[in-house]
Amino acid sequence: MAVPKKKTSSSKRDQRKATWKRKANLQAQRALSLGKSILTGRAKGFVYPTDEEEGGEE
């Protein structure tokens, strides 16, 4: 017979939610940092074609 599962405690639920939000916040910070570095031209680990590079190929 099917038996209902035990109820998850609110602290366990909140802990999981906090972990999820922390990961999302970290990714958002990294994306913002990468965007800023691309705009200033200081990006080292991200290849981003600029208008100057595209004009030389044609």
PDB file of N, CA and C in Angstrom:
ATOM      1  N   MET A   1       0.829  -1.188   0.000  1.00  0.00           N
ATOM      2  CA  MET A   1       0.000   0.000   0.000  1.00  0.00           C
ATOM      3  C   MET A   1       0.872   1.249   0.000  1.00  0.00           C
ATOM      4  N   ALA A   2       0.351   2.298  -0.601  1.00  0.00           N
ATOM      5  CA  ALA A   2       1.078   3.565  -0.641  1.00  0.00           C
ATOM      6  C   ALA A   2       1.011   4.250   0.718  1.00  0.00           C
ATOM      7  N   VAL A   3       2.147   4.761   1.149  1.00  0.00           N
ATOM      8  CA  VAL A   3       2.221   5.443   2.437  1.00  0.00           C
ATOM      9  C   VAL A   3       2.665   6.877   2.182  1.00  0.00           C
ATOM     10  N   PRO A   4       1.992   7.858   2.777  1.00  0.00           N
ATOM     11  CA  PRO A   4       2.399   9.255   2.565  1.00  0.00           C
ATOM     12  C   PRO A   4       3.817   9.512   3.082  1.00  0.00           C
ATOM     13  N   LYS A   5       4.510  10.387   2.405  1.00  0.00           N
ATOM     14  CA  LYS A   5       5.858  10.750   2.839  1.00  0.00           C
ATOM     15  C   LYS A   5       5.782  11.675   4.045  1.00  0.00           C
ATOM     16  N   LYS A   6       6.893  11.750   4.775  1.00  0.00           N
ATOM     17  CA  LYS A   6       6.951  12.662   5.909  1.00  0.00           C
ATOM     18  C   LYS A   6       7.001  14.098   5.404  1.00  0.00           C
ATOM     19  N   LYS A   7       6.444  14.994   6.171  1.00  0.00           N
ATOM     20  CA  LYS A   7       6.452  16.403   5.801  1.00  0.00           C
ATOM     21  C   LYS A   7       7.859  16.978   5.960  1.00  0.00           C
ATOM     22  N   THR A   8       8.289  17.745   4.976  1.00  0.00           N
ATOM     23  CA  THR A   8       9.592  18.396   5.061  1.00  0.00           C
ATOM     24  C   THR A   8       9.501  19.587   6.012  1.00  0.00           C
ATOM     25  N   SER A   9      10.476  19.711   6.888  1.00  0.00           N
ATOM     26  CA  SER A   9      10.451  20.817   7.848  1.00  0.00           C
ATOM     27  C   SER A   9      10.664  22.136   7.120  1.00  0.00           C
ATOM     28  N   SER A  10      10.138  23.193   7.733  1.00  0.00           N
ATOM     29  CA  SER A  10      10.257  24.511   7.105  1.00  0.00           C
ATOM     30  C   SER A  10      11.708  24.959   7.027  1.00  0.00           C
ATOM     31  N   SER A  11      12.525  24.566   8.006  1.00  0.00           N
ATOM     32  CA  SER A  11      13.932  24.975   7.982  1.00  0.00           C
ATOM     33  C   SER A  11      14.666  24.299   6.822  1.00  0.00           C
ATOM     34  N   LYS A  12      14.347  23.026   6.562  1.00  0.00           N
ATOM     35  CA  LYS A  12      14.968  22.307   5.453  1.00  0.00           C
ATOM     36  C   LYS A  12      14.544  22.932   4.121  1.00  0.00           C
ATOM     37  N   ARG A  13      13.263  23.264   4.011  1.00  0.00           N
ATOM     38  CA  ARG A  13      12.747  23.898   2.802  1.00  0.00           C
ATOM     39  C   ARG A  13      13.418  25.251   2.568  1.00  0.00           C
ATOM     40  N   ASP A  14      13.516  26.051   3.636  1.00  0.00           N
ATOM     41  CA  ASP A  14      14.130  27.371   3.523  1.00  0.00           C
ATOM     42  C   ASP A  14      15.609  27.262   3.180  1.00  0.00           C
ATOM     43  N   GLN A  15      16.271  26.234   3.709  1.00  0.00           N
ATOM     44  CA  GLN A  15      17.691  26.028   3.419  1.00  0.00           C
ATOM     45  C   GLN A  15      17.888  25.730   1.938  1.00  0.00           C
ATOM     46  N   ARG A  16      17.029  24.869   1.376  1.00  0.00           N
ATOM     47  CA  ARG A  16      17.133  24.557  -0.052  1.00  0.00           C
ATOM     48  C   ARG A  16      16.860  25.783  -0.912  1.00  0.00           C
ATOM     49  N   LYS A  17      15.867  26.567  -0.525  1.00  0.00           N
ATOM     50  CA  LYS A  17      15.524  27.766  -1.284  1.00  0.00           C
ATOM     51  C   LYS A  17      16.660  28.790  -1.227  1.00  0.00           C
ATOM     52  N   ALA A  18      17.295  28.921  -0.058  1.00  0.00           N
ATOM     53  CA  ALA A  18      18.403  29.864   0.098  1.00  0.00           C
ATOM     54  C   ALA A  18      19.583  29.449  -0.764  1.00  0.00           C
ATOM     55  N   THR A  19      19.858  28.140  -0.836  1.00  0.00           N
ATOM     56  CA  THR A  19      20.953  27.648  -1.664  1.00  0.00           C
ATOM     57  C   THR A  19      20.684  27.958  -3.126  1.00  0.00           C
ATOM     58  N   TRP A  20      19.459  27.734  -3.571  1.00  0.00           N
ATOM     59  CA  TRP A  20      19.078  27.980  -4.957  1.00  0.00           C
ATOM     60  C   TRP A  20      19.239  29.461  -5.292  1.00  0.00           C
ATOM     61  N   LYS A  21      18.772  30.328  -4.380  1.00  0.00           N
ATOM     62  CA  LYS A  21      18.865  31.771  -4.622  1.00  0.00           C
ATOM     63  C   LYS A  21      20.313  32.243  -4.605  1.00  0.00           C
ATOM     64  N   ARG A  22      21.149  31.635  -3.739  1.00  0.00           N
ATOM     65  CA  ARG A  22      22.560  32.011  -3.677  1.00  0.00           C
ATOM     66  C   ARG A  22      23.253  31.689  -4.987  1.00  0.00           C
ATOM     67  N   LYS A  23      22.954  30.515  -5.552  1.00  0.00           N
ATOM     68  CA  LYS A  23      23.554  30.134  -6.836  1.00  0.00           C
ATOM     69  C   LYS A  23      23.116  31.093  -7.942  1.00  0.00           C
ATOM     70  N   ALA A  24      21.829  31.444  -7.956  1.00  0.00           N
ATOM     71  CA  ALA A  24      21.319  32.359  -8.974  1.00  0.00           C
ATOM     72  C   ALA A  24      21.954  33.737  -8.839  1.00  0.00           C
ATOM     73  N   ASN A  25      22.128  34.198  -7.614  1.00  0.00           N
ATOM     74  CA  ASN A  25      22.737  35.500  -7.367  1.00  0.00           C
ATOM     75  C   ASN A  25      24.185  35.525  -7.836  1.00  0.00           C
ATOM     76  N   LEU A  26      24.915  34.431  -7.597  1.00  0.00           N
ATOM     77  CA  LEU A  26      26.309  34.346  -8.029  1.00  0.00           C
ATOM     78  C   LEU A  26      26.407  34.395  -9.553  1.00  0.00           C
ATOM     79  N   GLN A  27      25.531  33.671 -10.246  1.00  0.00           N
ATOM     80  CA  GLN A  27      25.536  33.683 -11.706  1.00  0.00           C
ATOM     81  C   GLN A  27      25.187  35.070 -12.246  1.00  0.00           C
ATOM     82  N   ALA A  28      24.254  35.755 -11.599  1.00  0.00           N
ATOM     83  CA  ALA A  28      23.883  37.102 -12.028  1.00  0.00           C
ATOM     84  C   ALA A  28      25.056  38.062 -11.865  1.00  0.00           C
ATOM     85  N   GLN A  29      25.784  37.942 -10.762  1.00  0.00           N
ATOM     86  CA  GLN A  29      26.954  38.793 -10.533  1.00  0.00           C
ATOM     87  C   GLN A  29      28.023  38.541 -11.587  1.00  0.00           C
ATOM     88  N   ARG A  30      28.244  37.251 -11.927  1.00  0.00           N
ATOM     89  CA  ARG A  30      29.249  36.929 -12.941  1.00  0.00           C
ATOM     90  C   ARG A  30      28.846  37.473 -14.308  1.00  0.00           C
ATOM     91  N   ALA A  31      27.574  37.359 -14.646  1.00  0.00           N
ATOM     92  CA  ALA A  31      27.099  37.862 -15.939  1.00  0.00           C
ATOM     93  C   ALA A  31      27.250  39.373 -16.021  1.00  0.00           C
ATOM     94  N   LEU A  32      26.919  40.062 -14.943  1.00  0.00           N
ATOM     95  CA  LEU A  32      27.046  41.520 -14.915  1.00  0.00           C
ATOM     96  C   LEU A  32      28.510  41.934 -15.027  1.00  0.00           C
ATOM     97  N   SER A  33      29.382  41.223 -14.330  1.00  0.00           N
ATOM     98  CA  SER A  33      30.808  41.519 -14.378  1.00  0.00           C
ATOM     99  C   SER A  33      31.363  41.306 -15.788  1.00  0.00           C
ATOM    100  N   LEU A  34      30.945  40.216 -16.430  1.00  0.00           N
ATOM    101  CA  LEU A  34      31.396  39.938 -17.791  1.00  0.00           C
ATOM    102  C   LEU A  34      30.901  41.008 -18.752  1.00  0.00           C
ATOM    103  N   GLY A  35      29.652  41.411 -18.592  1.00  0.00           N
ATOM    104  CA  GLY A  35      29.097  42.468 -19.444  1.00  0.00           C
ATOM    105  C   GLY A  35      29.857  43.770 -19.292  1.00  0.00           C
ATOM    106  N   LYS A  36      30.183  44.124 -18.064  1.00  0.00           N
ATOM    107  CA  LYS A  36      30.939  45.358 -17.817  1.00  0.00           C
ATOM    108  C   LYS A  36      32.333  45.280 -18.431  1.00  0.00           C
ATOM    109  N   SER A  37      32.990  44.123 -18.302  1.00  0.00           N
ATOM    110  CA  SER A  37      34.340  43.997 -18.839  1.00  0.00           C
ATOM    111  C   SER A  37      34.331  44.031 -20.364  1.00  0.00           C
ATOM    112  N   ILE A  38      33.270  43.498 -20.974  1.00  0.00           N
ATOM    113  CA  ILE A  38      33.163  43.555 -22.441  1.00  0.00           C
ATOM    114  C   ILE A  38      32.982  44.997 -22.895  1.00  0.00           C
ATOM    115  N   LEU A  39      32.138  45.738 -22.191  1.00  0.00           N
ATOM    116  CA  LEU A  39      31.897  47.130 -22.568  1.00  0.00           C
ATOM    117  C   LEU A  39      33.149  47.983 -22.419  1.00  0.00           C
ATOM    118  N   THR A  40      33.976  47.701 -21.431  1.00  0.00           N
ATOM    119  CA  THR A  40      35.192  48.493 -21.231  1.00  0.00           C
ATOM    120  C   THR A  40      36.351  47.973 -22.072  1.00  0.00           C
ATOM    121  N   GLY A  41      36.187  46.784 -22.676  1.00  0.00           N
ATOM    122  CA  GLY A  41      37.243  46.230 -23.508  1.00  0.00           C
ATOM    123  C   GLY A  41      38.315  45.494 -22.737  1.00  0.00           C
ATOM    124  N   ARG A  42      38.037  45.121 -21.506  1.00  0.00           N
ATOM    125  CA  ARG A  42      39.046  44.457 -20.682  1.00  0.00           C
ATOM    126  C   ARG A  42      38.824  42.949 -20.579  1.00  0.00           C
ATOM    127  N   ALA A  43      37.848  42.434 -21.324  1.00  0.00           N
ATOM    128  CA  ALA A  43      37.544  41.000 -21.238  1.00  0.00           C
ATOM    129  C   ALA A  43      38.695  40.187 -21.822  1.00  0.00           C
ATOM    130  N   LYS A  44      39.145  39.185 -21.086  1.00  0.00           N
ATOM    131  CA  LYS A  44      40.250  38.341 -21.532  1.00  0.00           C
ATOM    132  C   LYS A  44      39.764  36.954 -21.946  1.00  0.00           C
ATOM    133  N   GLY A  45      38.776  36.406 -21.235  1.00  0.00           N
ATOM    134  CA  GLY A  45      38.346  35.035 -21.475  1.00  0.00           C
ATOM    135  C   GLY A  45      37.079  34.935 -22.286  1.00  0.00           C
ATOM    136  N   PHE A  46      36.721  35.978 -23.011  1.00  0.00           N
ATOM    137  CA  PHE A  46      35.466  35.975 -23.757  1.00  0.00           C
ATOM    138  C   PHE A  46      35.727  36.581 -25.125  1.00  0.00           C
ATOM    139  N   VAL A  47      35.444  35.833 -26.193  1.00  0.00           N
ATOM    140  CA  VAL A  47      35.679  36.327 -27.545  1.00  0.00           C
ATOM    141  C   VAL A  47      34.420  37.053 -27.997  1.00  0.00           C
ATOM    142  N   TYR A  48      34.574  38.308 -28.308  1.00  0.00           N
ATOM    143  CA  TYR A  48      33.441  39.134 -28.709  1.00  0.00           C
ATOM    144  C   TYR A  48      33.846  39.927 -29.953  1.00  0.00           C
ATOM    145  N   PRO A  49      33.234  39.643 -31.113  1.00  0.00           N
ATOM    146  CA  PRO A  49      33.631  40.360 -32.338  1.00  0.00           C
ATOM    147  C   PRO A  49      33.220  41.829 -32.275  1.00  0.00           C
ATOM    148  N   THR A  50      34.148  42.690 -32.618  1.00  0.00           N
ATOM    149  CA  THR A  50      33.852  44.113 -32.667  1.00  0.00           C
ATOM    150  C   THR A  50      33.698  44.548 -34.114  1.00  0.00           C
ATOM    151  N   ASP A  51      33.187  45.735 -34.325  1.00  0.00           N
ATOM    152  CA  ASP A  51      32.983  46.253 -35.686  1.00  0.00           C
ATOM    153  C   ASP A  51      34.301  46.393 -36.431  1.00  0.00           C
ATOM    154  N   GLU A  52      35.372  46.714 -35.724  1.00  0.00           N
ATOM    155  CA  GLU A  52      36.681  46.894 -36.355  1.00  0.00           C
ATOM    156  C   GLU A  52      37.184  45.570 -36.941  1.00  0.00           C
ATOM    157  N   GLU A  53      36.989  44.471 -36.227  1.00  0.00           N
ATOM    158  CA  GLU A  53      37.441  43.159 -36.690  1.00  0.00           C
ATOM    159  C   GLU A  53      36.631  42.702 -37.897  1.00  0.00           C
ATOM    160  N   GLU A  54      35.318  42.963 -37.896  1.00  0.00           N
ATOM    161  CA  GLU A  54      34.462  42.529 -38.983  1.00  0.00           C
ATOM    162  C   GLU A  54      34.790  43.279 -40.270  1.00  0.00           C
ATOM    163  N   GLY A  55      35.202  44.538 -40.176  1.00  0.00           N
ATOM    164  CA  GLY A  55      35.515  45.334 -41.359  1.00  0.00           C
ATOM    165  C   GLY A  55      36.769  44.843 -42.059  1.00  0.00           C
ATOM    166  N   GLY A  56      37.712  44.274 -41.354  1.00  0.00           N
ATOM    167  CA  GLY A  56      38.971  43.809 -41.933  1.00  0.00           C
ATOM    168  C   GLY A  56      38.823  42.528 -42.723  1.00  0.00           C
ATOM    169  N   GLU A  57      37.820  41.721 -42.452  1.00  0.00           N
ATOM    170  CA  GLU A  57      37.647  40.451 -43.126  1.00  0.00           C
ATOM    171  C   GLU A  57      37.044  40.611 -44.514  1.00  0.00           C
ATOM    172  N   GLU A  58      36.267  41.643 -44.738  1.00  0.00           N
ATOM    173  CA  GLU A  58      35.557  41.801 -46.025  1.00  0.00           C
ATOM    174  C   GLU A  58      36.439  42.326 -47.113  1.00  0.00           C
TER     175      GLU A  58
END
